[in-house]
Amino acid sequence: MKESRLTMPEVAAIAGTRVALGSGLALLLADRIELKQRRAIGWTLFLVGAISTVPLVMRVLDKRR
C-alpha cells in the first residue's frame, strides 16, 4: 500500500469538505426547517462539499506517485 503525507492545511480542507457534505445531507433529511429553505441550503452545502472534494482527491492521489 502506498503512503501519502498530508499537511495540516490539507487535512483541514478535507475535513471541511466532509463537514459541508454531511451538513447538507443532514439538512436535506431534516424536517425542522421549511422545505424550500431546507432544500436550498442543503443542496448548496452538499454540492459545495462534493465539488470541492475533487481537487483534494486529485492532490492526494498525485502525491502517491
PDB file of N, CA and C in Angstrom:
ATOM      1  N   MET A   1       0.840  -1.178   0.000  1.00  0.00           N
ATOM      2  CA  MET A   1       0.000   0.000   0.000  1.00  0.00           C
ATOM      3  C   MET A   1       0.889   1.247   0.000  1.00  0.00           C
ATOM      4  N   LYS A   2       0.538   2.212  -0.837  1.00  0.00           N
ATOM      5  CA  LYS A   2       1.312   3.448  -0.913  1.00  0.00           C
ATOM      6  C   LYS A   2       0.871   4.403   0.184  1.00  0.00           C
ATOM      7  N   GLU A   3       1.822   5.192   0.663  1.00  0.00           N
ATOM      8  CA  GLU A   3       1.537   6.178   1.703  1.00  0.00           C
ATOM      9  C   GLU A   3       1.526   7.572   1.117  1.00  0.00           C
ATOM     10  N   SER A   4       0.710   8.425   1.712  1.00  0.00           N
ATOM     11  CA  SER A   4       0.678   9.843   1.350  1.00  0.00           C
ATOM     12  C   SER A   4       0.836  10.657   2.622  1.00  0.00           C
ATOM     13  N   ARG A   5       1.691  11.637   2.566  1.00  0.00           N
ATOM     14  CA  ARG A   5       1.840  12.542   3.707  1.00  0.00           C
ATOM     15  C   ARG A   5       1.054  13.809   3.402  1.00  0.00           C
ATOM     16  N   LEU A   6       0.200  14.178   4.332  1.00  0.00           N
ATOM     17  CA  LEU A   6      -0.638  15.361   4.156  1.00  0.00           C
ATOM     18  C   LEU A   6      -0.230  16.434   5.153  1.00  0.00           C
ATOM     19  N   THR A   7      -0.304  17.676   4.712  1.00  0.00           N
ATOM     20  CA  THR A   7      -0.043  18.799   5.612  1.00  0.00           C
ATOM     21  C   THR A   7      -1.311  19.087   6.413  1.00  0.00           C
ATOM     22  N   MET A   8      -1.159  19.832   7.484  1.00  0.00           N
ATOM     23  CA  MET A   8      -2.331  20.184   8.301  1.00  0.00           C
ATOM     24  C   MET A   8      -3.377  20.973   7.507  1.00  0.00           C
ATOM     25  N   PRO A   9      -2.982  21.933   6.658  1.00  0.00           N
ATOM     26  CA  PRO A   9      -3.997  22.625   5.862  1.00  0.00           C
ATOM     27  C   PRO A   9      -4.766  21.678   4.932  1.00  0.00           C
ATOM     28  N   GLU A  10      -4.083  20.676   4.394  1.00  0.00           N
ATOM     29  CA  GLU A  10      -4.772  19.705   3.538  1.00  0.00           C
ATOM     30  C   GLU A  10      -5.768  18.870   4.338  1.00  0.00           C
ATOM     31  N   VAL A  11      -5.360  18.453   5.522  1.00  0.00           N
ATOM     32  CA  VAL A  11      -6.263  17.686   6.387  1.00  0.00           C
ATOM     33  C   VAL A  11      -7.466  18.540   6.770  1.00  0.00           C
ATOM     34  N   ALA A  12      -7.223  19.811   7.090  1.00  0.00           N
ATOM     35  CA  ALA A  12      -8.323  20.717   7.448  1.00  0.00           C
ATOM     36  C   ALA A  12      -9.271  20.922   6.270  1.00  0.00           C
ATOM     37  N   ALA A  13      -8.729  21.052   5.076  1.00  0.00           N
ATOM     38  CA  ALA A  13      -9.574  21.231   3.891  1.00  0.00           C
ATOM     39  C   ALA A  13     -10.419  19.989   3.634  1.00  0.00           C
ATOM     40  N   ILE A  14      -9.822  18.822   3.784  1.00  0.00           N
ATOM     41  CA  ILE A  14     -10.569  17.575   3.607  1.00  0.00           C
ATOM     42  C   ILE A  14     -11.672  17.475   4.652  1.00  0.00           C
ATOM     43  N   ALA A  15     -11.348  17.797   5.895  1.00  0.00           N
ATOM     44  CA  ALA A  15     -12.357  17.760   6.956  1.00  0.00           C
ATOM     45  C   ALA A  15     -13.478  18.757   6.676  1.00  0.00           C
ATOM     46  N   GLY A  16     -13.126  19.929   6.191  1.00  0.00           N
ATOM     47  CA  GLY A  16     -14.142  20.942   5.874  1.00  0.00           C
ATOM     48  C   GLY A  16     -15.100  20.492   4.789  1.00  0.00           C
ATOM     49  N   THR A  17     -14.568  19.808   3.781  1.00  0.00           N
ATOM     50  CA  THR A  17     -15.457  19.322   2.720  1.00  0.00           C
ATOM     51  C   THR A  17     -16.380  18.236   3.246  1.00  0.00           C
ATOM     52  N   ARG A  18     -15.878  17.413   4.139  1.00  0.00           N
ATOM     53  CA  ARG A  18     -16.720  16.360   4.736  1.00  0.00           C
ATOM     54  C   ARG A  18     -17.825  16.981   5.593  1.00  0.00           C
ATOM     55  N   VAL A  19     -17.488  18.038   6.320  1.00  0.00           N
ATOM     56  CA  VAL A  19     -18.485  18.724   7.151  1.00  0.00           C
ATOM     57  C   VAL A  19     -19.573  19.335   6.279  1.00  0.00           C
ATOM     58  N   ALA A  20     -19.189  20.011   5.207  1.00  0.00           N
ATOM     59  CA  ALA A  20     -20.179  20.622   4.311  1.00  0.00           C
ATOM     60  C   ALA A  20     -21.068  19.561   3.677  1.00  0.00           C
ATOM     61  N   LEU A  21     -20.462  18.483   3.223  1.00  0.00           N
ATOM     62  CA  LEU A  21     -21.220  17.393   2.602  1.00  0.00           C
ATOM     63  C   LEU A  21     -22.198  16.779   3.600  1.00  0.00           C
ATOM     64  N   GLY A  22     -21.723  16.487   4.791  1.00  0.00           N
ATOM     65  CA  GLY A  22     -22.581  15.894   5.822  1.00  0.00           C
ATOM     66  C   GLY A  22     -23.667  16.833   6.300  1.00  0.00           C
ATOM     67  N   SER A  23     -23.335  18.105   6.464  1.00  0.00           N
ATOM     68  CA  SER A  23     -24.334  19.087   6.903  1.00  0.00           C
ATOM     69  C   SER A  23     -25.425  19.259   5.860  1.00  0.00           C
ATOM     70  N   GLY A  24     -25.027  19.307   4.612  1.00  0.00           N
ATOM     71  CA  GLY A  24     -26.010  19.425   3.535  1.00  0.00           C
ATOM     72  C   GLY A  24     -26.934  18.235   3.490  1.00  0.00           C
ATOM     73  N   LEU A  25     -26.374  17.048   3.625  1.00  0.00           N
ATOM     74  CA  LEU A  25     -27.188  15.832   3.622  1.00  0.00           C
ATOM     75  C   LEU A  25     -28.127  15.803   4.822  1.00  0.00           C
ATOM     76  N   ALA A  26     -27.631  16.211   5.985  1.00  0.00           N
ATOM     77  CA  ALA A  26     -28.474  16.246   7.185  1.00  0.00           C
ATOM     78  C   ALA A  26     -29.642  17.213   7.012  1.00  0.00           C
ATOM     79  N   LEU A  27     -29.376  18.375   6.428  1.00  0.00           N
ATOM     80  CA  LEU A  27     -30.456  19.341   6.202  1.00  0.00           C
ATOM     81  C   LEU A  27     -31.492  18.807   5.222  1.00  0.00           C
ATOM     82  N   LEU A  28     -31.035  18.080   4.215  1.00  0.00           N
ATOM     83  CA  LEU A  28     -31.977  17.517   3.250  1.00  0.00           C
ATOM     84  C   LEU A  28     -32.883  16.476   3.907  1.00  0.00           C
ATOM     85  N   LEU A  29     -32.377  15.801   4.918  1.00  0.00           N
ATOM     86  CA  LEU A  29     -33.153  14.760   5.587  1.00  0.00           C
ATOM     87  C   LEU A  29     -33.947  15.280   6.786  1.00  0.00           C
ATOM     88  N   ALA A  30     -33.634  16.474   7.253  1.00  0.00           N
ATOM     89  CA  ALA A  30     -34.306  17.033   8.431  1.00  0.00           C
ATOM     90  C   ALA A  30     -35.698  17.538   8.073  1.00  0.00           C
ATOM     91  N   ASP A  31     -36.489  17.809   9.115  1.00  0.00           N
ATOM     92  CA  ASP A  31     -37.833  18.333   8.850  1.00  0.00           C
ATOM     93  C   ASP A  31     -38.201  19.503   9.763  1.00  0.00           C
ATOM     94  N   ARG A  32     -37.215  20.155  10.345  1.00  0.00           N
ATOM     95  CA  ARG A  32     -37.496  21.270  11.261  1.00  0.00           C
ATOM     96  C   ARG A  32     -37.440  22.636  10.597  1.00  0.00           C
ATOM     97  N   ILE A  33     -36.963  22.693   9.385  1.00  0.00           N
ATOM     98  CA  ILE A  33     -36.883  23.942   8.628  1.00  0.00           C
ATOM     99  C   ILE A  33     -37.856  23.830   7.466  1.00  0.00           C
ATOM    100  N   GLU A  34     -38.375  24.962   7.033  1.00  0.00           N
ATOM    101  CA  GLU A  34     -39.296  24.977   5.894  1.00  0.00           C
ATOM    102  C   GLU A  34     -38.648  24.277   4.694  1.00  0.00           C
ATOM    103  N   LEU A  35     -39.435  23.496   3.978  1.00  0.00           N
ATOM    104  CA  LEU A  35     -38.938  22.652   2.888  1.00  0.00           C
ATOM    105  C   LEU A  35     -38.121  23.431   1.858  1.00  0.00           C
ATOM    106  N   LYS A  36     -38.625  24.575   1.422  1.00  0.00           N
ATOM    107  CA  LYS A  36     -37.933  25.352   0.387  1.00  0.00           C
ATOM    108  C   LYS A  36     -36.555  25.813   0.876  1.00  0.00           C
ATOM    109  N   GLN A  37     -36.493  26.322   2.098  1.00  0.00           N
ATOM    110  CA  GLN A  37     -35.216  26.775   2.664  1.00  0.00           C
ATOM    111  C   GLN A  37     -34.270  25.597   2.870  1.00  0.00           C
ATOM    112  N   ARG A  38     -34.813  24.512   3.385  1.00  0.00           N
ATOM    113  CA  ARG A  38     -34.005  23.326   3.658  1.00  0.00           C
ATOM    114  C   ARG A  38     -33.367  22.791   2.378  1.00  0.00           C
ATOM    115  N   ARG A  39     -34.146  22.743   1.312  1.00  0.00           N
ATOM    116  CA  ARG A  39     -33.605  22.249   0.041  1.00  0.00           C
ATOM    117  C   ARG A  39     -32.526  23.171  -0.503  1.00  0.00           C
ATOM    118  N   ALA A  40     -32.759  24.468  -0.443  1.00  0.00           N
ATOM    119  CA  ALA A  40     -31.773  25.425  -0.966  1.00  0.00           C
ATOM    120  C   ALA A  40     -30.451  25.334  -0.203  1.00  0.00           C
ATOM    121  N   ILE A  41     -30.531  25.380   1.106  1.00  0.00           N
ATOM    122  CA  ILE A  41     -29.316  25.330   1.930  1.00  0.00           C
ATOM    123  C   ILE A  41     -28.667  23.952   1.853  1.00  0.00           C
ATOM    124  N   GLY A  42     -29.482  22.921   1.956  1.00  0.00           N
ATOM    125  CA  GLY A  42     -28.967  21.551   1.947  1.00  0.00           C
ATOM    126  C   GLY A  42     -28.247  21.203   0.663  1.00  0.00           C
ATOM    127  N   TRP A  43     -28.876  21.499  -0.475  1.00  0.00           N
ATOM    128  CA  TRP A  43     -28.239  21.189  -1.759  1.00  0.00           C
ATOM    129  C   TRP A  43     -26.981  22.020  -1.974  1.00  0.00           C
ATOM    130  N   THR A  44     -27.006  23.273  -1.534  1.00  0.00           N
ATOM    131  CA  THR A  44     -25.820  24.120  -1.680  1.00  0.00           C
ATOM    132  C   THR A  44     -24.646  23.541  -0.902  1.00  0.00           C
ATOM    133  N   LEU A  45     -24.869  23.220   0.368  1.00  0.00           N
ATOM    134  CA  LEU A  45     -23.793  22.648   1.177  1.00  0.00           C
ATOM    135  C   LEU A  45     -23.321  21.307   0.618  1.00  0.00           C
ATOM    136  N   PHE A  46     -24.270  20.475   0.239  1.00  0.00           N
ATOM    137  CA  PHE A  46     -23.932  19.159  -0.295  1.00  0.00           C
ATOM    138  C   PHE A  46     -23.076  19.281  -1.554  1.00  0.00           C
ATOM    139  N   LEU A  47     -23.488  20.140  -2.478  1.00  0.00           N
ATOM    140  CA  LEU A  47     -22.753  20.285  -3.737  1.00  0.00           C
ATOM    141  C   LEU A  47     -21.393  20.944  -3.538  1.00  0.00           C
ATOM    142  N   VAL A  48     -21.315  21.929  -2.652  1.00  0.00           N
ATOM    143  CA  VAL A  48     -20.016  22.558  -2.358  1.00  0.00           C
ATOM    144  C   VAL A  48     -19.062  21.516  -1.780  1.00  0.00           C
ATOM    145  N   GLY A  49     -19.562  20.708  -0.854  1.00  0.00           N
ATOM    146  CA  GLY A  49     -18.728  19.651  -0.272  1.00  0.00           C
ATOM    147  C   GLY A  49     -18.282  18.635  -1.299  1.00  0.00           C
ATOM    148  N   ALA A  50     -19.198  18.225  -2.160  1.00  0.00           N
ATOM    149  CA  ALA A  50     -18.873  17.214  -3.174  1.00  0.00           C
ATOM    150  C   ALA A  50     -17.907  17.762  -4.222  1.00  0.00           C
ATOM    151  N   ILE A  51     -18.175  18.961  -4.720  1.00  0.00           N
ATOM    152  CA  ILE A  51     -17.336  19.538  -5.777  1.00  0.00           C
ATOM    153  C   ILE A  51     -15.943  19.899  -5.260  1.00  0.00           C
ATOM    154  N   SER A  52     -15.861  20.406  -4.051  1.00  0.00           N
ATOM    155  CA  SER A  52     -14.549  20.788  -3.518  1.00  0.00           C
ATOM    156  C   SER A  52     -13.708  19.573  -3.141  1.00  0.00           C
ATOM    157  N   THR A  53     -14.311  18.411  -3.085  1.00  0.00           N
ATOM    158  CA  THR A  53     -13.563  17.194  -2.792  1.00  0.00           C
ATOM    159  C   THR A  53     -12.685  16.781  -3.972  1.00  0.00           C
ATOM    160  N   VAL A  54     -13.132  17.042  -5.180  1.00  0.00           N
ATOM    161  CA  VAL A  54     -12.426  16.578  -6.382  1.00  0.00           C
ATOM    162  C   VAL A  54     -10.970  17.058  -6.434  1.00  0.00           C
ATOM    163  N   PRO A  55     -10.683  18.359  -6.301  1.00  0.00           N
ATOM    164  CA  PRO A  55      -9.274  18.778  -6.363  1.00  0.00           C
ATOM    165  C   PRO A  55      -8.443  18.220  -5.208  1.00  0.00           C
ATOM    166  N   LEU A  56      -9.070  18.049  -4.048  1.00  0.00           N
ATOM    167  CA  LEU A  56      -8.334  17.493  -2.911  1.00  0.00           C
ATOM    168  C   LEU A  56      -7.953  16.039  -3.164  1.00  0.00           C
ATOM    169  N   VAL A  57      -8.869  15.273  -3.703  1.00  0.00           N
ATOM    170  CA  VAL A  57      -8.578  13.870  -4.023  1.00  0.00           C
ATOM    171  C   VAL A  57      -7.483  13.795  -5.082  1.00  0.00           C
ATOM    172  N   MET A  58      -7.570  14.655  -6.075  1.00  0.00           N
ATOM    173  CA  MET A  58      -6.547  14.660  -7.127  1.00  0.00           C
ATOM    174  C   MET A  58      -5.168  14.983  -6.542  1.00  0.00           C
ATOM    175  N   ARG A  59      -5.113  15.918  -5.609  1.00  0.00           N
ATOM    176  CA  ARG A  59      -3.841  16.294  -4.982  1.00  0.00           C
ATOM    177  C   ARG A  59      -3.269  15.128  -4.173  1.00  0.00           C
ATOM    178  N   VAL A  60      -4.126  14.462  -3.409  1.00  0.00           N
ATOM    179  CA  VAL A  60      -3.665  13.334  -2.600  1.00  0.00           C
ATOM    180  C   VAL A  60      -3.175  12.200  -3.499  1.00  0.00           C
ATOM    181  N   LEU A  61      -3.927  11.894  -4.542  1.00  0.00           N
ATOM    182  CA  LEU A  61      -3.519  10.825  -5.452  1.00  0.00           C
ATOM    183  C   LEU A  61      -2.231  11.175  -6.185  1.00  0.00           C
ATOM    184  N   ASP A  62      -2.042  12.448  -6.501  1.00  0.00           N
ATOM    185  CA  ASP A  62      -0.820  12.885  -7.173  1.00  0.00           C
ATOM    186  C   ASP A  62       0.395  12.728  -6.260  1.00  0.00           C
ATOM    187  N   LYS A  63       0.216  12.933  -4.964  1.00  0.00           N
ATOM    188  CA  LYS A  63       1.317  12.793  -4.006  1.00  0.00           C
ATOM    189  C   LYS A  63       1.758  11.339  -3.854  1.00  0.00           C
ATOM    190  N   ARG A  64       0.886  10.407  -4.181  1.00  0.00           N
ATOM    191  CA  ARG A  64       1.212   8.991  -4.023  1.00  0.00           C
ATOM    192  C   ARG A  64       2.200   8.512  -5.075  1.00  0.00           C
ATOM    193  N   ARG A  65       2.383   9.260  -6.137  1.00  0.00           N
ATOM    194  CA  ARG A  65       3.271   8.829  -7.235  1.00  0.00           C
ATOM    195  C   ARG A  65       4.711   9.065  -6.939  1.00  0.00           C
TER     196      ARG A  65
END
